[in-house]
Amino acid sequence: MPDSADMGQFATLVDIIARLRAPDGCPWDRKQTHQSLREYVLEECYEVLDALDENDPVKLKGELGDLMLQILLQAQIAQEAGEFEIRDVLTGINNKLIYRHPHVFSNVIVNSAEEVSHNWEQLKQKERGDNTSILASVPKNMPSLAYSQEIQGRVARVGFDWKNDDGVIDKLVEEVKEFKETQSPEQQAEEFGDLMFTLANIARRMHIDLETTLREANNKFYRRFTIMEELCRQRRLKFADLSFDEQNSLWDEAKRLNQLK
């Protein structure tokens, strides 16, 4: 067992993970691979987001630890396979941060966060090489809305963007018109995708994170609907038996009650 005085040390966690993966360690940890842990990495990322959405620092502290566990498990598996070690991960990110912040660690002068973002993209392009698309490094398994905002943000940083909000709003009106004029389910699906893509662009320009905003809207709907269910239980009503007008009336009541909380 590590000494209690060492429990706040990064090296202690590295040693614990190595012990869990040792021949006489934990059977579950020993059987894991890079691929088998993929779902857990994603799950922990979402739990970190939940803690951030709830503005709960205690929960965030725990979830960051769980996410760090996944990172160190991946690094330990890589070390055992002779691929890389955790020190290589740290060396890589330290070098990257210094290289991409020449305005902090060198003599480059910037005057705004926007200029920093532009320089960052130029430095990343140098790393990728001239023959590689600036979109190539965006993970394609990102949630679709987040992916849409990310690729639009990438091209905007090299100048491919509307000059003002009016242009993209006009584009939204155009996409709505095209959606209304569709003649087949296939056309509807395609035009609806274009519509969502344009909405994502509007959100990006207004500095609205679509994933966060939609999660908040989902949570708001969840809260209101569960209030409706509770009202039905209190009144011994079956929600499915109510008319649409009665359900809407109940929705308005739940909305008022939710605002009072």
C-alpha atoms as a PDB file:
ATOM      1  CA  MET A   1       0.000   0.000   0.000  1.00  0.00           C
ATOM      2  CA  PRO A   2       1.299   3.496  -0.822  1.00  0.00           C
ATOM      3  CA  ASP A   3       2.009   5.799   2.091  1.00  0.00           C
ATOM      4  CA  SER A   4      -0.872   8.203   2.792  1.00  0.00           C
ATOM      5  CA  ALA A   5       1.505  11.124   2.288  1.00  0.00           C
ATOM      6  CA  ASP A   6       2.023  10.010  -1.332  1.00  0.00           C
ATOM      7  CA  MET A   7      -1.662   9.713  -2.274  1.00  0.00           C
ATOM      8  CA  GLY A   8      -1.668  13.148  -3.879  1.00  0.00           C
ATOM      9  CA  GLN A   9       1.259  12.343  -6.153  1.00  0.00           C
ATOM     10  CA  PHE A  10       0.890  11.625  -9.871  1.00  0.00           C
ATOM     11  CA  ALA A  11       3.592   8.947  -9.615  1.00  0.00           C
ATOM     12  CA  THR A  12       1.509   7.090  -7.019  1.00  0.00           C
ATOM     13  CA  LEU A  13      -1.356   6.695  -9.481  1.00  0.00           C
ATOM     14  CA  VAL A  14       1.068   5.501 -12.173  1.00  0.00           C
ATOM     15  CA  ASP A  15       2.404   2.877  -9.755  1.00  0.00           C
ATOM     16  CA  ILE A  16      -1.101   1.755  -8.752  1.00  0.00           C
ATOM     17  CA  ILE A  17      -2.095   1.233 -12.385  1.00  0.00           C
ATOM     18  CA  ALA A  18       1.093  -0.758 -13.008  1.00  0.00           C
ATOM     19  CA  ARG A  19       0.320  -2.892  -9.928  1.00  0.00           C
ATOM     20  CA  LEU A  20      -3.223  -3.566 -11.142  1.00  0.00           C
ATOM     21  CA  ARG A  21      -1.838  -4.721 -14.494  1.00  0.00           C
ATOM     22  CA  ALA A  22       0.894  -6.894 -12.932  1.00  0.00           C
ATOM     23  CA  PRO A  23       0.751 -10.720 -13.245  1.00  0.00           C
ATOM     24  CA  ASP A  24      -0.646 -10.950  -9.698  1.00  0.00           C
ATOM     25  CA  GLY A  25      -2.823  -7.861 -10.101  1.00  0.00           C
ATOM     26  CA  CYS A  26      -6.524  -7.450 -10.874  1.00  0.00           C
ATOM     27  CA  PRO A  27      -7.977  -9.964 -13.396  1.00  0.00           C
ATOM     28  CA  TRP A  28     -10.301  -7.328 -14.882  1.00  0.00           C
ATOM     29  CA  ASP A  29      -7.571  -4.713 -15.353  1.00  0.00           C
ATOM     30  CA  ARG A  30      -5.168  -7.311 -16.767  1.00  0.00           C
ATOM     31  CA  LYS A  31      -7.550  -8.390 -19.520  1.00  0.00           C
ATOM     32  CA  GLN A  32      -8.193  -4.872 -20.837  1.00  0.00           C
ATOM     33  CA  THR A  33      -6.835  -3.665 -24.184  1.00  0.00           C
ATOM     34  CA  HIS A  34      -6.754  -0.334 -26.001  1.00  0.00           C
ATOM     35  CA  GLN A  35      -9.944  -1.301 -27.830  1.00  0.00           C
ATOM     36  CA  SER A  36     -11.844  -2.771 -24.882  1.00  0.00           C
ATOM     37  CA  LEU A  37     -11.451   0.501 -22.958  1.00  0.00           C
ATOM     38  CA  ARG A  38     -12.841   2.738 -25.704  1.00  0.00           C
ATOM     39  CA  GLU A  39     -16.380   2.786 -24.312  1.00  0.00           C
ATOM     40  CA  TYR A  40     -15.115   3.653 -20.845  1.00  0.00           C
ATOM     41  CA  VAL A  41     -13.053   6.587 -22.135  1.00  0.00           C
ATOM     42  CA  LEU A  42     -16.128   7.998 -23.868  1.00  0.00           C
ATOM     43  CA  GLU A  43     -18.335   7.338 -20.846  1.00  0.00           C
ATOM     44  CA  GLU A  44     -15.928   9.151 -18.518  1.00  0.00           C
ATOM     45  CA  CYS A  45     -15.779  12.130 -20.882  1.00  0.00           C
ATOM     46  CA  TYR A  46     -19.556  12.422 -20.775  1.00  0.00           C
ATOM     47  CA  GLU A  47     -19.569  12.163 -16.984  1.00  0.00           C
ATOM     48  CA  VAL A  48     -17.075  15.027 -16.822  1.00  0.00           C
ATOM     49  CA  LEU A  49     -19.446  17.035 -19.031  1.00  0.00           C
ATOM     50  CA  ASP A  50     -22.345  16.210 -16.699  1.00  0.00           C
ATOM     51  CA  ALA A  51     -20.363  17.519 -13.733  1.00  0.00           C
ATOM     52  CA  LEU A  52     -19.561  20.700 -15.647  1.00  0.00           C
ATOM     53  CA  ASP A  53     -23.209  21.144 -16.664  1.00  0.00           C
ATOM     54  CA  GLU A  54     -24.253  20.736 -13.033  1.00  0.00           C
ATOM     55  CA  ASN A  55     -21.560  23.182 -11.907  1.00  0.00           C
ATOM     56  CA  ASP A  56     -20.617  20.660  -9.212  1.00  0.00           C
ATOM     57  CA  PRO A  57     -16.913  20.980  -8.285  1.00  0.00           C
ATOM     58  CA  VAL A  58     -17.001  17.958  -5.952  1.00  0.00           C
ATOM     59  CA  LYS A  59     -18.433  15.751  -8.692  1.00  0.00           C
ATOM     60  CA  LEU A  60     -16.028  17.259 -11.233  1.00  0.00           C
ATOM     61  CA  LYS A  61     -13.059  16.387  -9.017  1.00  0.00           C
ATOM     62  CA  GLY A  62     -14.118  12.739  -8.920  1.00  0.00           C
ATOM     63  CA  GLU A  63     -14.924  12.509 -12.616  1.00  0.00           C
ATOM     64  CA  LEU A  64     -11.579  14.031 -13.617  1.00  0.00           C
ATOM     65  CA  GLY A  65      -9.919  11.314 -11.550  1.00  0.00           C
ATOM     66  CA  ASP A  66     -11.921   8.640 -13.369  1.00  0.00           C
ATOM     67  CA  LEU A  67     -10.911  10.143 -16.712  1.00  0.00           C
ATOM     68  CA  MET A  68      -7.265  10.236 -15.636  1.00  0.00           C
ATOM     69  CA  LEU A  69      -7.540   6.556 -14.738  1.00  0.00           C
ATOM     70  CA  GLN A  70      -8.531   5.772 -18.317  1.00  0.00           C
ATOM     71  CA  ILE A  71      -5.608   7.804 -19.677  1.00  0.00           C
ATOM     72  CA  LEU A  72      -3.111   6.006 -17.456  1.00  0.00           C
ATOM     73  CA  LEU A  73      -4.576   2.590 -18.228  1.00  0.00           C
ATOM     74  CA  GLN A  74      -4.080   3.281 -21.931  1.00  0.00           C
ATOM     75  CA  ALA A  75      -0.516   4.448 -21.272  1.00  0.00           C
ATOM     76  CA  GLN A  76       0.263   1.372 -19.145  1.00  0.00           C
ATOM     77  CA  ILE A  77      -1.062  -0.971 -21.837  1.00  0.00           C
ATOM     78  CA  ALA A  78       1.066   0.873 -24.404  1.00  0.00           C
ATOM     79  CA  GLN A  79       4.152   0.591 -22.208  1.00  0.00           C
ATOM     80  CA  GLU A  80       3.671  -3.153 -21.803  1.00  0.00           C
ATOM     81  CA  ALA A  81       3.381  -3.488 -25.594  1.00  0.00           C
ATOM     82  CA  GLY A  82       6.523  -1.421 -26.152  1.00  0.00           C
ATOM     83  CA  GLU A  83       4.564   1.352 -27.896  1.00  0.00           C
ATOM     84  CA  PHE A  84       5.189   4.348 -25.608  1.00  0.00           C
ATOM     85  CA  GLU A  85       5.251   5.345 -21.934  1.00  0.00           C
ATOM     86  CA  ILE A  86       3.379   7.954 -19.924  1.00  0.00           C
ATOM     87  CA  ARG A  87       6.509  10.157 -19.924  1.00  0.00           C
ATOM     88  CA  ASP A  88       6.297  10.179 -23.732  1.00  0.00           C
ATOM     89  CA  VAL A  89       2.709  11.421 -23.488  1.00  0.00           C
ATOM     90  CA  LEU A  90       3.771  14.185 -21.094  1.00  0.00           C
ATOM     91  CA  THR A  91       6.778  15.112 -23.218  1.00  0.00           C
ATOM     92  CA  GLY A  92       4.569  15.341 -26.290  1.00  0.00           C
ATOM     93  CA  ILE A  93       1.934  17.595 -24.760  1.00  0.00           C
ATOM     94  CA  ASN A  94       4.516  19.813 -23.040  1.00  0.00           C
ATOM     95  CA  ASN A  95       6.398  20.333 -26.311  1.00  0.00           C
ATOM     96  CA  LYS A  96       3.133  20.968 -28.169  1.00  0.00           C
ATOM     97  CA  LEU A  97       1.932  23.593 -25.687  1.00  0.00           C
ATOM     98  CA  ILE A  98       5.242  25.459 -25.788  1.00  0.00           C
ATOM     99  CA  TYR A  99       5.404  25.310 -29.596  1.00  0.00           C
ATOM    100  CA  ARG A 100       1.835  26.505 -30.066  1.00  0.00           C
ATOM    101  CA  HIS A 101       2.155  29.377 -27.583  1.00  0.00           C
ATOM    102  CA  PRO A 102       5.085  31.376 -28.993  1.00  0.00           C
ATOM    103  CA  HIS A 103       3.407  34.536 -27.649  1.00  0.00           C
ATOM    104  CA  VAL A 104       3.993  33.141 -24.143  1.00  0.00           C
ATOM    105  CA  PHE A 105       7.227  31.156 -24.461  1.00  0.00           C
ATOM    106  CA  SER A 106       8.906  33.142 -27.249  1.00  0.00           C
ATOM    107  CA  ASN A 107       8.882  36.676 -28.644  1.00  0.00           C
ATOM    108  CA  VAL A 108       5.739  36.575 -30.828  1.00  0.00           C
ATOM    109  CA  ILE A 109       3.315  39.415 -30.041  1.00  0.00           C
ATOM    110  CA  VAL A 110      -0.474  38.980 -30.250  1.00  0.00           C
ATOM    111  CA  ASN A 111      -3.262  41.438 -29.469  1.00  0.00           C
ATOM    112  CA  SER A 112      -6.353  39.231 -29.135  1.00  0.00           C
ATOM    113  CA  ALA A 113      -7.656  35.727 -28.540  1.00  0.00           C
ATOM    114  CA  GLU A 114      -8.734  35.658 -32.187  1.00  0.00           C
ATOM    115  CA  GLU A 115      -5.159  36.276 -33.300  1.00  0.00           C
ATOM    116  CA  VAL A 116      -3.981  33.478 -31.018  1.00  0.00           C
ATOM    117  CA  SER A 117      -6.532  31.152 -32.628  1.00  0.00           C
ATOM    118  CA  HIS A 118      -5.384  32.110 -36.126  1.00  0.00           C
ATOM    119  CA  ASN A 119      -1.724  31.548 -35.255  1.00  0.00           C
ATOM    120  CA  TRP A 120      -2.598  28.230 -33.594  1.00  0.00           C
ATOM    121  CA  GLU A 121      -4.195  26.990 -36.816  1.00  0.00           C
ATOM    122  CA  GLN A 122      -1.185  28.058 -38.872  1.00  0.00           C
ATOM    123  CA  LEU A 123       1.169  26.214 -36.524  1.00  0.00           C
ATOM    124  CA  LYS A 124      -1.017  23.101 -36.690  1.00  0.00           C
ATOM    125  CA  GLN A 125      -0.939  23.246 -40.489  1.00  0.00           C
ATOM    126  CA  LYS A 126       2.869  23.317 -40.388  1.00  0.00           C
ATOM    127  CA  GLU A 127       2.771  20.180 -38.243  1.00  0.00           C
ATOM    128  CA  ARG A 128       0.374  18.459 -40.641  1.00  0.00           C
ATOM    129  CA  GLY A 129       2.240  19.404 -43.811  1.00  0.00           C
ATOM    130  CA  ASP A 130       0.983  21.222 -46.902  1.00  0.00           C
ATOM    131  CA  ASN A 131      -0.518  18.097 -48.469  1.00  0.00           C
ATOM    132  CA  THR A 132      -2.812  17.336 -45.515  1.00  0.00           C
ATOM    133  CA  SER A 133      -6.278  18.856 -45.158  1.00  0.00           C
ATOM    134  CA  ILE A 134      -6.861  21.115 -42.165  1.00  0.00           C
ATOM    135  CA  LEU A 135      -9.935  18.944 -41.518  1.00  0.00           C
ATOM    136  CA  ALA A 136      -8.047  15.646 -41.466  1.00  0.00           C
ATOM    137  CA  SER A 137      -7.306  15.670 -37.736  1.00  0.00           C
ATOM    138  CA  VAL A 138     -10.910  16.264 -36.633  1.00  0.00           C
ATOM    139  CA  PRO A 139     -12.116  12.953 -35.132  1.00  0.00           C
ATOM    140  CA  LYS A 140     -14.923  11.638 -37.337  1.00  0.00           C
ATOM    141  CA  ASN A 141     -16.564   9.808 -34.427  1.00  0.00           C
ATOM    142  CA  MET A 142     -17.279  13.076 -32.606  1.00  0.00           C
ATOM    143  CA  PRO A 143     -20.995  13.773 -32.016  1.00  0.00           C
ATOM    144  CA  SER A 144     -22.328  15.152 -35.292  1.00  0.00           C
ATOM    145  CA  LEU A 145     -23.218  18.612 -33.997  1.00  0.00           C
ATOM    146  CA  ALA A 146     -19.822  19.064 -32.358  1.00  0.00           C
ATOM    147  CA  TYR A 147     -18.093  17.773 -35.510  1.00  0.00           C
ATOM    148  CA  SER A 148     -20.056  20.231 -37.636  1.00  0.00           C
ATOM    149  CA  GLN A 149     -19.050  23.169 -35.469  1.00  0.00           C
ATOM    150  CA  GLU A 150     -15.429  22.040 -35.339  1.00  0.00           C
ATOM    151  CA  ILE A 151     -14.939  21.687 -39.101  1.00  0.00           C
ATOM    152  CA  GLN A 152     -16.700  24.994 -39.738  1.00  0.00           C
ATOM    153  CA  GLY A 153     -14.507  26.614 -37.103  1.00  0.00           C
ATOM    154  CA  ARG A 154     -11.369  25.183 -38.714  1.00  0.00           C
ATOM    155  CA  VAL A 155     -12.145  26.641 -42.142  1.00  0.00           C
ATOM    156  CA  ALA A 156     -13.276  29.946 -40.615  1.00  0.00           C
ATOM    157  CA  ARG A 157      -9.840  30.351 -39.020  1.00  0.00           C
ATOM    158  CA  VAL A 158      -8.298  30.402 -42.508  1.00  0.00           C
ATOM    159  CA  GLY A 159     -10.843  32.911 -43.827  1.00  0.00           C
ATOM    160  CA  PHE A 160     -13.600  30.724 -45.288  1.00  0.00           C
ATOM    161  CA  ASP A 161     -16.532  32.270 -43.428  1.00  0.00           C
ATOM    162  CA  TRP A 162     -19.410  34.682 -43.860  1.00  0.00           C
ATOM    163  CA  LYS A 163     -18.389  38.328 -43.460  1.00  0.00           C
ATOM    164  CA  ASN A 164     -21.377  39.027 -41.196  1.00  0.00           C
ATOM    165  CA  ASP A 165     -24.322  37.262 -39.570  1.00  0.00           C
ATOM    166  CA  ASP A 166     -26.779  38.475 -42.221  1.00  0.00           C
ATOM    167  CA  GLY A 167     -25.201  36.220 -44.834  1.00  0.00           C
ATOM    168  CA  VAL A 168     -25.540  33.057 -42.783  1.00  0.00           C
ATOM    169  CA  ILE A 169     -29.091  34.000 -41.685  1.00  0.00           C
ATOM    170  CA  ASP A 170     -30.018  34.401 -45.361  1.00  0.00           C
ATOM    171  CA  LYS A 171     -28.492  30.967 -45.942  1.00  0.00           C
ATOM    172  CA  LEU A 172     -30.736  29.543 -43.198  1.00  0.00           C
ATOM    173  CA  VAL A 173     -33.818  31.042 -44.885  1.00  0.00           C
ATOM    174  CA  GLU A 174     -32.674  29.477 -48.156  1.00  0.00           C
ATOM    175  CA  GLU A 175     -32.237  26.058 -46.527  1.00  0.00           C
ATOM    176  CA  VAL A 176     -35.696  26.229 -44.916  1.00  0.00           C
ATOM    177  CA  LYS A 177     -37.192  27.040 -48.325  1.00  0.00           C
ATOM    178  CA  GLU A 178     -35.371  24.105 -49.932  1.00  0.00           C
ATOM    179  CA  PHE A 179     -36.517  21.784 -47.155  1.00  0.00           C
ATOM    180  CA  LYS A 180     -40.157  22.810 -47.645  1.00  0.00           C
ATOM    181  CA  GLU A 181     -39.864  22.125 -51.368  1.00  0.00           C
ATOM    182  CA  THR A 182     -38.550  18.560 -51.043  1.00  0.00           C
ATOM    183  CA  GLN A 183     -40.465  15.824 -52.840  1.00  0.00           C
ATOM    184  CA  SER A 184     -39.086  12.607 -51.352  1.00  0.00           C
ATOM    185  CA  PRO A 185     -37.912  11.211 -47.997  1.00  0.00           C
ATOM    186  CA  GLU A 186     -34.358  11.107 -49.346  1.00  0.00           C
ATOM    187  CA  GLN A 187     -34.485  14.785 -50.289  1.00  0.00           C
ATOM    188  CA  GLN A 188     -36.009  15.645 -46.926  1.00  0.00           C
ATOM    189  CA  ALA A 189     -33.173  13.911 -45.096  1.00  0.00           C
ATOM    190  CA  GLU A 190     -30.524  15.644 -47.211  1.00  0.00           C
ATOM    191  CA  GLU A 191     -32.056  19.099 -46.895  1.00  0.00           C
ATOM    192  CA  PHE A 192     -32.659  18.654 -43.168  1.00  0.00           C
ATOM    193  CA  GLY A 193     -28.961  17.857 -42.808  1.00  0.00           C
ATOM    194  CA  ASP A 194     -28.098  21.078 -44.662  1.00  0.00           C
ATOM    195  CA  LEU A 195     -30.493  22.947 -42.380  1.00  0.00           C
ATOM    196  CA  MET A 196     -28.837  21.588 -39.241  1.00  0.00           C
ATOM    197  CA  PHE A 197     -25.391  22.308 -40.689  1.00  0.00           C
ATOM    198  CA  THR A 198     -26.378  25.952 -41.203  1.00  0.00           C
ATOM    199  CA  LEU A 199     -27.824  26.169 -37.685  1.00  0.00           C
ATOM    200  CA  ALA A 200     -24.531  24.821 -36.372  1.00  0.00           C
ATOM    201  CA  ASN A 201     -22.721  27.552 -38.281  1.00  0.00           C
ATOM    202  CA  ILE A 202     -24.965  30.250 -36.802  1.00  0.00           C
ATOM    203  CA  ALA A 203     -24.361  28.876 -33.311  1.00  0.00           C
ATOM    204  CA  ARG A 204     -20.594  28.836 -33.898  1.00  0.00           C
ATOM    205  CA  ARG A 205     -20.601  32.451 -35.035  1.00  0.00           C
ATOM    206  CA  MET A 206     -22.562  33.415 -31.903  1.00  0.00           C
ATOM    207  CA  HIS A 207     -20.163  31.425 -29.688  1.00  0.00           C
ATOM    208  CA  ILE A 208     -22.912  28.972 -28.718  1.00  0.00           C
ATOM    209  CA  ASP A 209     -21.749  25.417 -28.103  1.00  0.00           C
ATOM    210  CA  LEU A 210     -24.440  23.261 -29.698  1.00  0.00           C
ATOM    211  CA  GLU A 211     -23.709  20.121 -27.691  1.00  0.00           C
ATOM    212  CA  THR A 212     -23.959  22.032 -24.404  1.00  0.00           C
ATOM    213  CA  THR A 213     -27.020  23.979 -25.511  1.00  0.00           C
ATOM    214  CA  LEU A 214     -28.860  20.880 -26.692  1.00  0.00           C
ATOM    215  CA  ARG A 215     -27.941  18.978 -23.505  1.00  0.00           C
ATOM    216  CA  GLU A 216     -29.390  21.841 -21.487  1.00  0.00           C
ATOM    217  CA  ALA A 217     -32.558  21.828 -23.605  1.00  0.00           C
ATOM    218  CA  ASN A 218     -32.827  18.042 -23.142  1.00  0.00           C
ATOM    219  CA  ASN A 219     -32.394  18.418 -19.373  1.00  0.00           C
ATOM    220  CA  LYS A 220     -35.045  21.141 -19.281  1.00  0.00           C
ATOM    221  CA  PHE A 221     -37.493  18.924 -21.166  1.00  0.00           C
ATOM    222  CA  TYR A 222     -36.669  16.002 -18.858  1.00  0.00           C
ATOM    223  CA  ARG A 223     -37.353  18.085 -15.748  1.00  0.00           C
ATOM    224  CA  ARG A 224     -40.672  19.410 -17.057  1.00  0.00           C
ATOM    225  CA  PHE A 225     -41.924  16.059 -18.293  1.00  0.00           C
ATOM    226  CA  THR A 226     -41.113  14.327 -15.000  1.00  0.00           C
ATOM    227  CA  ILE A 227     -43.087  17.073 -13.222  1.00  0.00           C
ATOM    228  CA  MET A 228     -46.008  16.287 -15.534  1.00  0.00           C
ATOM    229  CA  GLU A 229     -45.722  12.605 -14.608  1.00  0.00           C
ATOM    230  CA  GLU A 230     -45.655  13.456 -10.917  1.00  0.00           C
ATOM    231  CA  LEU A 231     -48.753  15.654 -11.274  1.00  0.00           C
ATOM    232  CA  CYS A 232     -50.538  12.758 -12.978  1.00  0.00           C
ATOM    233  CA  ARG A 233     -49.586  10.408 -10.138  1.00  0.00           C
ATOM    234  CA  GLN A 234     -50.823  12.897  -7.549  1.00  0.00           C
ATOM    235  CA  ARG A 235     -54.154  13.262  -9.387  1.00  0.00           C
ATOM    236  CA  ARG A 236     -54.418   9.561 -10.234  1.00  0.00           C
ATOM    237  CA  LEU A 237     -54.426  10.280 -13.936  1.00  0.00           C
ATOM    238  CA  LYS A 238     -52.885   8.241 -16.718  1.00  0.00           C
ATOM    239  CA  PHE A 239     -50.875  10.541 -18.956  1.00  0.00           C
ATOM    240  CA  ALA A 240     -51.504   8.519 -22.127  1.00  0.00           C
ATOM    241  CA  ASP A 241     -55.288   8.825 -21.600  1.00  0.00           C
ATOM    242  CA  LEU A 242     -55.224  12.634 -21.595  1.00  0.00           C
ATOM    243  CA  SER A 243     -56.167  14.560 -24.717  1.00  0.00           C
ATOM    244  CA  PHE A 244     -53.492  16.571 -26.484  1.00  0.00           C
ATOM    245  CA  ASP A 245     -54.998  19.807 -25.122  1.00  0.00           C
ATOM    246  CA  GLU A 246     -54.979  18.376 -21.579  1.00  0.00           C
ATOM    247  CA  GLN A 247     -51.373  17.302 -21.981  1.00  0.00           C
ATOM    248  CA  ASN A 248     -50.425  20.774 -23.196  1.00  0.00           C
ATOM    249  CA  SER A 249     -52.211  22.344 -20.246  1.00  0.00           C
ATOM    250  CA  LEU A 250     -50.278  20.046 -17.945  1.00  0.00           C
ATOM    251  CA  TRP A 251     -47.061  21.046 -19.740  1.00  0.00           C
ATOM    252  CA  ASP A 252     -47.765  24.736 -19.053  1.00  0.00           C
ATOM    253  CA  GLU A 253     -48.393  23.929 -15.383  1.00  0.00           C
ATOM    254  CA  ALA A 254     -45.148  21.946 -15.171  1.00  0.00           C
ATOM    255  CA  LYS A 255     -43.311  24.817 -16.842  1.00  0.00           C
ATOM    256  CA  ARG A 256     -44.557  27.244 -14.190  1.00  0.00           C
ATOM    257  CA  LEU A 257     -43.686  24.860 -11.354  1.00  0.00           C
ATOM    258  CA  ASN A 258     -40.203  24.262 -12.764  1.00  0.00           C
ATOM    259  CA  GLN A 259     -39.541  28.022 -12.886  1.00  0.00           C
ATOM    260  CA  LEU A 260     -40.421  28.258  -9.191  1.00  0.00           C
ATOM    261  CA  LYS A 261     -37.704  25.733  -8.220  1.00  0.00           C
END
